[in-house]
PDB file of N, CA and C in Angstrom:
ATOM      1  N   UNK A   1       0.983   4.763  -6.719  1.00  0.00           N
ATOM      2  CA  UNK A   1      -0.358   4.649  -6.205  1.00  0.00           C
ATOM      3  C   UNK A   1      -1.022   6.151  -6.143  1.00  0.00           C
ATOM      4  N   UNK A   2      -2.175   6.256  -6.700  1.00  0.00           N
ATOM      5  CA  UNK A   2      -2.801   7.599  -6.829  1.00  0.00           C
ATOM      6  C   UNK A   2      -3.527   7.785  -5.525  1.00  0.00           C
ATOM      7  N   UNK A   3      -3.947   8.998  -5.311  1.00  0.00           N
ATOM      8  CA  UNK A   3      -4.664   9.446  -4.103  1.00  0.00           C
ATOM      9  C   UNK A   3      -6.044   8.697  -3.960  1.00  0.00           C
ATOM     10  N   UNK A   4      -6.676   8.597  -5.195  1.00  0.00           N
ATOM     11  CA  UNK A   4      -8.037   7.963  -5.195  1.00  0.00           C
ATOM     12  C   UNK A   4      -7.936   6.426  -4.766  1.00  0.00           C
ATOM     13  N   UNK A   5      -6.879   5.803  -5.298  1.00  0.00           N
ATOM     14  CA  UNK A   5      -6.700   4.356  -4.964  1.00  0.00           C
ATOM     15  C   UNK A   5      -6.350   4.167  -3.545  1.00  0.00           C
ATOM     16  N   UNK A   6      -5.500   5.060  -2.933  1.00  0.00           N
ATOM     17  CA  UNK A   6      -5.061   4.918  -1.549  1.00  0.00           C
ATOM     18  C   UNK A   6      -6.260   5.209  -0.537  1.00  0.00           C
ATOM     19  N   UNK A   7      -7.102   6.164  -1.000  1.00  0.00           N
ATOM     20  CA  UNK A   7      -8.332   6.375  -0.167  1.00  0.00           C
ATOM     21  C   UNK A   7      -9.231   5.191  -0.211  1.00  0.00           C
ATOM     22  N   UNK A   8      -9.470   4.604  -1.364  1.00  0.00           N
ATOM     23  CA  UNK A   8     -10.306   3.463  -1.432  1.00  0.00           C
ATOM     24  C   UNK A   8      -9.775   2.288  -0.596  1.00  0.00           C
ATOM     25  N   UNK A   9      -8.439   1.999  -0.734  1.00  0.00           N
ATOM     26  CA  UNK A   9      -7.880   0.906   0.053  1.00  0.00           C
ATOM     27  C   UNK A   9      -7.924   1.255   1.551  1.00  0.00           C
ATOM     28  N   UNK A  10      -7.605   2.471   1.925  1.00  0.00           N
ATOM     29  CA  UNK A  10      -7.841   2.801   3.372  1.00  0.00           C
ATOM     30  C   UNK A  10      -9.199   2.589   3.873  1.00  0.00           C
ATOM     31  N   UNK A  11     -10.190   3.022   3.058  1.00  0.00           N
ATOM     32  CA  UNK A  11     -11.599   2.864   3.471  1.00  0.00           C
ATOM     33  C   UNK A  11     -11.989   1.336   3.538  1.00  0.00           C
ATOM     34  N   UNK A  12     -11.338   0.469   2.632  1.00  0.00           N
ATOM     35  CA  UNK A  12     -11.645  -0.922   2.822  1.00  0.00           C
ATOM     36  C   UNK A  12     -11.068  -1.427   4.012  1.00  0.00           C
ATOM     37  N   UNK A  13      -9.872  -1.061   4.341  1.00  0.00           N
ATOM     38  CA  UNK A  13      -9.202  -1.598   5.612  1.00  0.00           C
ATOM     39  C   UNK A  13      -9.923  -1.199   6.874  1.00  0.00           C
ATOM     40  N   UNK A  14     -10.341   0.084   6.876  1.00  0.00           N
ATOM     41  CA  UNK A  14     -11.114   0.626   8.107  1.00  0.00           C
ATOM     42  C   UNK A  14     -12.461  -0.110   8.138  1.00  0.00           C
ATOM     43  N   UNK A  15     -13.104  -0.352   7.002  1.00  0.00           N
ATOM     44  CA  UNK A  15     -14.353  -1.009   7.020  1.00  0.00           C
ATOM     45  C   UNK A  15     -14.211  -2.479   7.481  1.00  0.00           C
ATOM     46  N   UNK A  16     -13.078  -3.108   7.149  1.00  0.00           N
ATOM     47  CA  UNK A  16     -12.758  -4.484   7.520  1.00  0.00           C
ATOM     48  C   UNK A  16     -12.643  -4.597   8.967  1.00  0.00           C
ATOM     49  N   UNK A  17     -11.925  -3.578   9.599  1.00  0.00           N
ATOM     50  CA  UNK A  17     -11.714  -3.616  11.053  1.00  0.00           C
ATOM     51  C   UNK A  17     -13.062  -3.331  11.771  1.00  0.00           C
ATOM     52  N   UNK A  18     -13.890  -2.361  11.306  1.00  0.00           N
ATOM     53  CA  UNK A  18     -15.251  -2.100  11.849  1.00  0.00           C
ATOM     54  C   UNK A  18     -16.015  -3.298  11.808  1.00  0.00           C
ATOM     55  N   UNK A  19     -16.065  -4.030  10.676  1.00  0.00           N
ATOM     56  CA  UNK A  19     -16.849  -5.189  10.625  1.00  0.00           C
ATOM     57  C   UNK A  19     -16.448  -6.216  11.601  1.00  0.00           C
ATOM     58  N   UNK A  20     -15.197  -6.407  11.754  1.00  0.00           N
ATOM     59  CA  UNK A  20     -14.576  -7.357  12.703  1.00  0.00           C
ATOM     60  C   UNK A  20     -15.000  -7.052  14.066  1.00  0.00           C
ATOM     61  N   UNK A  21     -14.885  -5.745  14.503  1.00  0.00           N
ATOM     62  CA  UNK A  21     -15.318  -5.377  15.860  1.00  0.00           C
ATOM     63  C   UNK A  21     -16.720  -5.535  16.036  1.00  0.00           C
ATOM     64  N   UNK A  22     -17.553  -5.297  15.071  1.00  0.00           N
ATOM     65  CA  UNK A  22     -19.094  -5.486  15.279  1.00  0.00           C
ATOM     66  C   UNK A  22     -19.517  -6.913  15.188  1.00  0.00           C
ATOM     67  N   UNK A  23     -18.955  -7.658  14.363  1.00  0.00           N
ATOM     68  CA  UNK A  23     -19.566  -9.017  14.144  1.00  0.00           C
ATOM     69  C   UNK A  23     -18.705 -10.088  14.915  1.00  0.00           C
ATOM     70  N   UNK A  24     -17.522  -9.925  15.203  1.00  0.00           N
ATOM     71  CA  UNK A  24     -16.746 -10.934  15.907  1.00  0.00           C
ATOM     72  C   UNK A  24     -16.006 -10.429  17.137  1.00  0.00           C
ATOM     73  N   UNK A  25     -16.350  -9.320  17.635  1.00  0.00           N
ATOM     74  CA  UNK A  25     -15.753  -8.668  18.773  1.00  0.00           C
ATOM     75  C   UNK A  25     -14.224  -8.464  18.711  1.00  0.00           C
ATOM     76  N   UNK A  26     -13.776  -8.324  17.544  1.00  0.00           N
ATOM     77  CA  UNK A  26     -12.365  -8.088  17.318  1.00  0.00           C
ATOM     78  C   UNK A  26     -11.414  -9.311  17.396  1.00  0.00           C
ATOM     79  N   UNK A  27     -11.987 -10.483  17.248  1.00  0.00           N
ATOM     80  CA  UNK A  27     -11.145 -11.720  17.375  1.00  0.00           C
ATOM     81  C   UNK A  27     -10.075 -11.767  16.212  1.00  0.00           C
ATOM     82  N   UNK A  28     -10.482 -11.427  15.024  1.00  0.00           N
ATOM     83  CA  UNK A  28      -9.527 -11.540  13.919  1.00  0.00           C
ATOM     84  C   UNK A  28      -8.470 -10.447  14.056  1.00  0.00           C
ATOM     85  N   UNK A  29      -8.830  -9.216  14.446  1.00  0.00           N
ATOM     86  CA  UNK A  29      -7.829  -8.156  14.668  1.00  0.00           C
ATOM     87  C   UNK A  29      -6.859  -8.508  15.726  1.00  0.00           C
ATOM     88  N   UNK A  30      -7.347  -9.007  16.848  1.00  0.00           N
ATOM     89  CA  UNK A  30      -6.386  -9.469  17.887  1.00  0.00           C
ATOM     90  C   UNK A  30      -5.495 -10.622  17.491  1.00  0.00           C
ATOM     91  N   UNK A  31      -6.071 -11.625  16.721  1.00  0.00           N
ATOM     92  CA  UNK A  31      -5.216 -12.589  16.137  1.00  0.00           C
ATOM     93  C   UNK A  31      -4.199 -12.195  15.257  1.00  0.00           C
ATOM     94  N   UNK A  32      -4.514 -11.273  14.409  1.00  0.00           N
ATOM     95  CA  UNK A  32      -3.466 -10.672  13.381  1.00  0.00           C
ATOM     96  C   UNK A  32      -2.413  -9.799  14.215  1.00  0.00           C
ATOM     97  N   UNK A  33      -2.879  -9.114  15.136  1.00  0.00           N
ATOM     98  CA  UNK A  33      -1.948  -8.307  16.013  1.00  0.00           C
ATOM     99  C   UNK A  33      -0.936  -9.209  16.650  1.00  0.00           C
ATOM    100  N   UNK A  34      -1.394 -10.362  17.295  1.00  0.00           N
ATOM    101  CA  UNK A  34      -0.533 -11.336  17.987  1.00  0.00           C
ATOM    102  C   UNK A  34       0.465 -11.898  17.009  1.00  0.00           C
ATOM    103  N   UNK A  35       0.027 -12.329  15.848  1.00  0.00           N
ATOM    104  CA  UNK A  35       0.897 -12.913  14.783  1.00  0.00           C
ATOM    105  C   UNK A  35       1.907 -11.868  14.282  1.00  0.00           C
ATOM    106  N   UNK A  36       1.481 -10.689  14.133  1.00  0.00           N
ATOM    107  CA  UNK A  36       2.336  -9.531  13.742  1.00  0.00           C
ATOM    108  C   UNK A  36       3.505  -9.332  14.687  1.00  0.00           C
ATOM    109  N   UNK A  37       3.130  -9.442  15.999  1.00  0.00           N
ATOM    110  CA  UNK A  37       4.156  -9.291  17.002  1.00  0.00           C
ATOM    111  C   UNK A  37       5.143 -10.524  16.978  1.00  0.00           C
ATOM    112  N   UNK A  38       4.675 -11.704  16.743  1.00  0.00           N
ATOM    113  CA  UNK A  38       5.483 -12.857  16.608  1.00  0.00           C
ATOM    114  C   UNK A  38       6.434 -12.684  15.433  1.00  0.00           C
ATOM    115  N   UNK A  39       5.967 -12.205  14.296  1.00  0.00           N
ATOM    116  CA  UNK A  39       6.715 -11.948  13.197  1.00  0.00           C
ATOM    117  C   UNK A  39       7.818 -10.939  13.394  1.00  0.00           C
ATOM    118  N   UNK A  40       7.445  -9.901  14.095  1.00  0.00           N
ATOM    119  CA  UNK A  40       8.461  -8.860  14.362  1.00  0.00           C
ATOM    120  C   UNK A  40       9.603  -9.462  15.238  1.00  0.00           C
ATOM    121  N   UNK A  41       9.238 -10.226  16.266  1.00  0.00           N
ATOM    122  CA  UNK A  41      10.185 -10.871  17.189  1.00  0.00           C
ATOM    123  C   UNK A  41      11.079 -11.876  16.357  1.00  0.00           C
ATOM    124  N   UNK A  42      10.462 -12.604  15.456  1.00  0.00           N
ATOM    125  CA  UNK A  42      11.180 -13.628  14.551  1.00  0.00           C
ATOM    126  C   UNK A  42      12.197 -12.853  13.612  1.00  0.00           C
ATOM    127  N   UNK A  43      11.752 -11.743  13.020  1.00  0.00           N
ATOM    128  CA  UNK A  43      12.642 -10.928  12.226  1.00  0.00           C
ATOM    129  C   UNK A  43      13.771 -10.325  13.053  1.00  0.00           C
ATOM    130  N   UNK A  44      13.428  -9.865  14.302  1.00  0.00           N
ATOM    131  CA  UNK A  44      14.407  -9.200  15.085  1.00  0.00           C
ATOM    132  C   UNK A  44      15.579 -10.218  15.420  1.00  0.00           C
ATOM    133  N   UNK A  45      15.163 -11.530  15.649  1.00  0.00           N
ATOM    134  CA  UNK A  45      16.157 -12.532  15.971  1.00  0.00           C
ATOM    135  C   UNK A  45      17.182 -12.617  14.826  1.00  0.00           C
ATOM    136  N   UNK A  46      16.778 -12.440  13.641  1.00  0.00           N
ATOM    137  CA  UNK A  46      17.757 -12.711  12.508  1.00  0.00           C
ATOM    138  C   UNK A  46      18.529 -11.360  12.252  1.00  0.00           C
ATOM    139  N   UNK A  47      18.365 -10.284  12.957  1.00  0.00           N
ATOM    140  CA  UNK A  47      18.982  -9.033  12.727  1.00  0.00           C
ATOM    141  C   UNK A  47      20.420  -9.169  13.213  1.00  0.00           C
TER     142      UNK A  47
END
């Protein structure tokens, strides 16, 4: 991955989080964080 591509992807991710916080009060971000925690706990169970 080149530096230019990584900067573009990083800017898109930051932009998506900013849009979520402005338009939906962070509901999608909180949902994804909760699902990520559940995924980590599920993977930890199989360790």
